[in-house]
């Protein structure tokens, strides 16, 4: 199983893709996700749900809960972690076309 709320299959990172990451300062998995993206030079826009008006509502509307981090890749919502297991390095590497996962 790739990612529970991924609606369409995606593969190979395209530098023209638009990636937004919903986060919060207190979220360990969010830090892992951002570090992964930075390590692999994948540009993203961060939305802090604690400090961005309407961000938590947008998260609830699209995911049904305040589960972060969340990636929005070209409009498709992706949960890049699994509760109790943390960030999904292998799945996100495959999704974004990264050859080295960690």
N, C-alpha and C. Protein backbone atom coordinates (compact mmCIF):
# COMPACT_ATOMS: atom_id res chain seq x y z
N UNK A 1 0.84 -1.17 0.00
CA UNK A 1 0.00 0.00 0.00
C UNK A 1 0.89 1.23 0.00
N UNK A 2 0.70 2.11 -0.96
CA UNK A 2 1.55 3.29 -1.06
C UNK A 2 1.18 4.31 0.01
N UNK A 3 0.07 4.95 -0.11
CA UNK A 3 -0.33 5.98 0.84
C UNK A 3 -1.85 5.94 0.95
N UNK A 4 -2.40 5.93 2.19
CA UNK A 4 -3.84 5.74 2.35
C UNK A 4 -4.73 6.71 1.59
N UNK A 5 -4.40 8.00 1.52
CA UNK A 5 -5.32 8.93 0.90
C UNK A 5 -4.85 9.45 -0.45
N UNK A 6 -3.97 8.72 -1.11
CA UNK A 6 -3.52 9.09 -2.44
C UNK A 6 -4.60 8.68 -3.43
N UNK A 7 -5.07 9.64 -4.21
CA UNK A 7 -6.19 9.37 -5.10
C UNK A 7 -5.76 8.87 -6.48
N UNK A 8 -4.64 9.35 -6.98
CA UNK A 8 -4.17 8.95 -8.30
C UNK A 8 -2.72 8.53 -8.21
N UNK A 9 -2.29 7.51 -8.96
CA UNK A 9 -0.89 7.12 -8.91
C UNK A 9 0.00 8.20 -9.50
N UNK A 10 1.12 8.44 -8.84
CA UNK A 10 2.09 9.41 -9.30
C UNK A 10 3.45 8.72 -9.30
N UNK A 11 4.32 9.12 -10.17
CA UNK A 11 5.66 8.56 -10.12
C UNK A 11 6.65 9.53 -10.73
N UNK A 12 7.85 9.53 -10.19
CA UNK A 12 8.93 10.36 -10.71
C UNK A 12 8.72 11.84 -10.48
N UNK A 13 9.59 12.45 -9.69
CA UNK A 13 9.46 13.87 -9.39
C UNK A 13 9.79 14.71 -10.62
N UNK A 14 8.92 15.63 -10.91
CA UNK A 14 9.09 16.58 -12.00
C UNK A 14 9.32 17.93 -11.35
N UNK A 15 10.41 18.59 -11.68
CA UNK A 15 10.74 19.88 -11.05
C UNK A 15 9.67 20.94 -11.27
N UNK A 16 8.74 20.70 -12.18
CA UNK A 16 7.65 21.64 -12.40
C UNK A 16 6.44 21.34 -11.53
N UNK A 17 6.50 20.25 -10.75
CA UNK A 17 5.37 19.92 -9.88
C UNK A 17 5.27 20.92 -8.75
N UNK A 18 4.06 21.15 -8.30
CA UNK A 18 3.78 22.06 -7.20
C UNK A 18 3.56 21.23 -5.93
N UNK A 19 4.44 21.43 -4.93
CA UNK A 19 4.35 20.67 -3.69
C UNK A 19 4.15 21.61 -2.51
N UNK A 20 3.08 21.37 -1.76
CA UNK A 20 2.81 22.10 -0.53
C UNK A 20 2.84 21.09 0.60
N UNK A 21 3.42 21.48 1.74
CA UNK A 21 3.50 20.61 2.90
C UNK A 21 2.78 21.29 4.07
N UNK A 22 1.75 20.63 4.58
CA UNK A 22 1.04 21.12 5.76
C UNK A 22 1.77 20.60 6.99
N UNK A 23 2.14 21.51 7.90
CA UNK A 23 2.97 21.16 9.05
C UNK A 23 2.51 21.91 10.30
N UNK A 24 3.21 21.65 11.39
CA UNK A 24 3.12 22.43 12.63
C UNK A 24 4.48 22.33 13.31
N UNK A 25 4.84 23.36 14.08
CA UNK A 25 6.16 23.42 14.70
C UNK A 25 6.42 22.26 15.64
N UNK A 26 5.39 21.71 16.26
CA UNK A 26 5.54 20.66 17.27
C UNK A 26 5.57 19.25 16.68
N UNK A 27 5.42 19.13 15.37
CA UNK A 27 5.24 17.83 14.71
C UNK A 27 6.58 17.22 14.28
N UNK A 28 6.97 16.12 14.93
CA UNK A 28 8.23 15.44 14.61
C UNK A 28 8.22 14.87 13.19
N UNK A 29 7.11 14.25 12.79
CA UNK A 29 7.02 13.69 11.44
C UNK A 29 7.10 14.79 10.38
N UNK A 30 6.61 15.99 10.71
CA UNK A 30 6.71 17.12 9.79
C UNK A 30 8.17 17.50 9.57
N UNK A 31 8.94 17.52 10.65
CA UNK A 31 10.38 17.82 10.53
C UNK A 31 11.07 16.78 9.67
N UNK A 32 10.73 15.52 9.86
CA UNK A 32 11.31 14.45 9.05
C UNK A 32 10.98 14.65 7.57
N UNK A 33 9.73 14.97 7.28
CA UNK A 33 9.29 15.18 5.90
C UNK A 33 10.04 16.35 5.26
N UNK A 34 10.13 17.46 5.98
CA UNK A 34 10.83 18.65 5.45
C UNK A 34 12.32 18.37 5.26
N UNK A 35 12.93 17.66 6.20
CA UNK A 35 14.35 17.32 6.06
C UNK A 35 14.59 16.44 4.84
N UNK A 36 13.69 15.49 4.61
CA UNK A 36 13.79 14.62 3.43
C UNK A 36 13.73 15.46 2.15
N UNK A 37 12.76 16.36 2.07
CA UNK A 37 12.61 17.19 0.87
C UNK A 37 13.82 18.09 0.67
N UNK A 38 14.31 18.69 1.74
CA UNK A 38 15.48 19.57 1.65
C UNK A 38 16.72 18.79 1.23
N UNK A 39 16.91 17.61 1.80
CA UNK A 39 18.07 16.78 1.47
C UNK A 39 18.12 16.46 -0.03
N UNK A 40 16.96 16.27 -0.61
CA UNK A 40 16.88 15.88 -2.02
C UNK A 40 16.56 17.07 -2.94
N UNK A 41 16.70 18.28 -2.38
CA UNK A 41 16.52 19.52 -3.16
C UNK A 41 15.17 19.56 -3.88
N UNK A 42 14.15 19.12 -3.19
CA UNK A 42 12.80 19.16 -3.74
C UNK A 42 12.12 20.41 -3.17
N UNK A 43 11.81 21.37 -4.03
CA UNK A 43 11.19 22.61 -3.54
C UNK A 43 9.76 22.37 -3.06
N UNK A 44 9.41 23.07 -1.99
CA UNK A 44 8.06 22.96 -1.46
C UNK A 44 7.67 24.26 -0.78
N UNK A 45 6.38 24.42 -0.63
CA UNK A 45 5.81 25.55 0.11
C UNK A 45 5.25 24.99 1.41
N UNK A 46 5.63 25.58 2.53
CA UNK A 46 5.17 25.10 3.82
C UNK A 46 3.97 25.92 4.30
N UNK A 47 2.96 25.21 4.82
CA UNK A 47 1.80 25.85 5.42
C UNK A 47 1.70 25.34 6.85
N UNK A 48 1.95 26.22 7.80
CA UNK A 48 1.87 25.89 9.22
C UNK A 48 0.40 26.00 9.65
N UNK A 49 -0.19 24.88 10.03
CA UNK A 49 -1.62 24.89 10.36
C UNK A 49 -1.93 25.67 11.63
N UNK A 50 -0.92 25.91 12.46
CA UNK A 50 -1.13 26.67 13.69
C UNK A 50 -1.14 28.18 13.44
N UNK A 51 -0.43 28.63 12.40
CA UNK A 51 -0.25 30.06 12.17
C UNK A 51 -0.83 30.59 10.87
N UNK A 52 -1.40 29.73 10.05
CA UNK A 52 -1.97 30.16 8.78
C UNK A 52 -3.49 30.09 8.86
N UNK A 53 -4.16 31.23 8.83
CA UNK A 53 -5.62 31.23 8.92
C UNK A 53 -6.25 30.34 7.84
N UNK A 54 -7.16 29.47 8.26
CA UNK A 54 -7.87 28.60 7.34
C UNK A 54 -7.15 27.31 7.00
N UNK A 55 -5.88 27.17 7.36
CA UNK A 55 -5.11 25.97 6.98
C UNK A 55 -5.65 24.71 7.65
N UNK A 56 -5.98 24.79 8.92
CA UNK A 56 -6.52 23.61 9.62
C UNK A 56 -7.87 23.22 9.03
N UNK A 57 -8.67 24.20 8.64
CA UNK A 57 -9.96 23.92 8.01
C UNK A 57 -9.76 23.24 6.66
N UNK A 58 -8.78 23.70 5.90
CA UNK A 58 -8.48 23.09 4.60
C UNK A 58 -8.04 21.63 4.78
N UNK A 59 -7.24 21.40 5.79
CA UNK A 59 -6.79 20.05 6.12
C UNK A 59 -7.99 19.16 6.46
N UNK A 60 -8.87 19.64 7.32
CA UNK A 60 -10.06 18.87 7.69
C UNK A 60 -10.95 18.58 6.48
N UNK A 61 -11.10 19.57 5.61
CA UNK A 61 -11.94 19.42 4.42
C UNK A 61 -11.41 18.34 3.49
N UNK A 62 -10.10 18.25 3.36
CA UNK A 62 -9.50 17.33 2.39
C UNK A 62 -9.08 15.98 2.97
N UNK A 63 -8.77 15.95 4.25
CA UNK A 63 -8.27 14.72 4.87
C UNK A 63 -9.27 14.15 5.87
N UNK A 64 -10.10 15.00 6.45
CA UNK A 64 -11.08 14.55 7.42
C UNK A 64 -10.58 14.55 8.85
N UNK A 65 -9.33 14.96 9.05
CA UNK A 65 -8.76 15.05 10.39
C UNK A 65 -7.53 15.95 10.34
N UNK A 66 -7.05 16.33 11.51
CA UNK A 66 -5.85 17.18 11.58
C UNK A 66 -4.60 16.30 11.62
N UNK A 67 -4.41 15.53 10.58
CA UNK A 67 -3.28 14.61 10.49
C UNK A 67 -2.18 15.28 9.66
N UNK A 68 -1.05 15.54 10.30
CA UNK A 68 0.08 16.15 9.60
C UNK A 68 1.32 15.34 9.85
N UNK A 69 2.28 15.40 8.93
CA UNK A 69 2.32 16.23 7.74
C UNK A 69 1.39 15.68 6.65
N UNK A 70 1.05 16.56 5.75
CA UNK A 70 0.32 16.20 4.53
C UNK A 70 1.03 16.87 3.37
N UNK A 71 1.23 16.13 2.30
CA UNK A 71 1.74 16.70 1.06
C UNK A 71 0.55 16.97 0.15
N UNK A 72 0.61 18.06 -0.58
CA UNK A 72 -0.34 18.30 -1.66
C UNK A 72 0.52 18.47 -2.90
N UNK A 73 0.51 17.46 -3.74
CA UNK A 73 1.34 17.43 -4.93
C UNK A 73 0.46 17.59 -6.15
N UNK A 74 0.58 18.76 -6.79
CA UNK A 74 -0.27 19.09 -7.94
C UNK A 74 -1.75 18.87 -7.63
N UNK A 75 -2.15 19.30 -6.43
CA UNK A 75 -3.55 19.22 -6.04
C UNK A 75 -3.99 17.89 -5.44
N UNK A 76 -3.10 16.91 -5.39
CA UNK A 76 -3.44 15.59 -4.84
C UNK A 76 -2.90 15.49 -3.42
N UNK A 77 -3.77 15.16 -2.47
CA UNK A 77 -3.39 15.07 -1.06
C UNK A 77 -2.75 13.71 -0.79
N UNK A 78 -1.60 13.72 -0.12
CA UNK A 78 -0.82 12.52 0.15
C UNK A 78 -0.38 12.53 1.61
N UNK A 79 -0.62 11.45 2.30
CA UNK A 79 -0.14 11.32 3.68
C UNK A 79 1.22 10.64 3.64
N UNK A 80 2.31 11.39 3.93
CA UNK A 80 3.66 10.83 3.78
C UNK A 80 4.18 10.10 5.01
N UNK A 81 3.31 9.73 5.90
CA UNK A 81 3.72 9.00 7.10
C UNK A 81 2.62 8.01 7.47
N UNK A 82 2.97 7.09 8.33
CA UNK A 82 1.99 6.16 8.85
C UNK A 82 2.06 6.23 10.37
N UNK A 83 0.94 6.46 11.05
CA UNK A 83 0.96 6.55 12.51
C UNK A 83 1.66 5.34 13.14
N UNK A 84 2.55 5.63 14.04
CA UNK A 84 3.31 4.58 14.72
C UNK A 84 4.54 4.11 13.97
N UNK A 85 4.65 4.46 12.68
CA UNK A 85 5.79 4.05 11.87
C UNK A 85 6.61 5.24 11.40
N UNK A 86 6.03 6.42 11.39
CA UNK A 86 6.75 7.62 10.98
C UNK A 86 6.73 7.86 9.48
N UNK A 87 7.71 8.65 9.03
CA UNK A 87 7.79 9.06 7.63
C UNK A 87 8.03 7.86 6.73
N UNK A 88 7.34 7.81 5.60
CA UNK A 88 7.43 6.70 4.66
C UNK A 88 8.53 6.97 3.63
N UNK A 89 9.77 6.80 4.04
CA UNK A 89 10.91 7.12 3.17
C UNK A 89 10.86 6.40 1.83
N UNK A 90 10.66 5.10 1.84
CA UNK A 90 10.69 4.33 0.58
C UNK A 90 9.55 4.74 -0.35
N UNK A 91 8.34 4.87 0.20
CA UNK A 91 7.19 5.24 -0.63
C UNK A 91 7.34 6.64 -1.21
N UNK A 92 7.81 7.58 -0.38
CA UNK A 92 7.97 8.96 -0.86
C UNK A 92 9.13 9.07 -1.85
N UNK A 93 10.16 8.27 -1.66
CA UNK A 93 11.28 8.25 -2.61
C UNK A 93 10.79 7.79 -3.98
N UNK A 94 10.01 6.73 -3.99
CA UNK A 94 9.47 6.21 -5.25
C UNK A 94 8.54 7.24 -5.89
N UNK A 95 7.66 7.83 -5.09
CA UNK A 95 6.71 8.81 -5.58
C UNK A 95 7.40 10.02 -6.22
N UNK A 96 8.47 10.48 -5.57
CA UNK A 96 9.15 11.70 -6.00
C UNK A 96 10.37 11.44 -6.89
N UNK A 97 10.64 10.18 -7.20
CA UNK A 97 11.75 9.86 -8.09
C UNK A 97 13.11 10.03 -7.45
N UNK A 98 13.19 9.83 -6.14
CA UNK A 98 14.46 9.95 -5.41
C UNK A 98 15.12 8.58 -5.40
N UNK A 99 16.40 8.53 -5.77
CA UNK A 99 17.08 7.23 -5.83
C UNK A 99 17.60 6.74 -4.50
N UNK A 100 17.91 7.64 -3.58
CA UNK A 100 18.38 7.26 -2.25
C UNK A 100 17.35 7.74 -1.26
N UNK A 101 16.73 6.82 -0.51
CA UNK A 101 15.58 7.19 0.32
C UNK A 101 15.95 7.97 1.58
N UNK A 102 17.08 7.67 2.20
CA UNK A 102 17.37 8.35 3.47
C UNK A 102 18.53 9.26 3.36
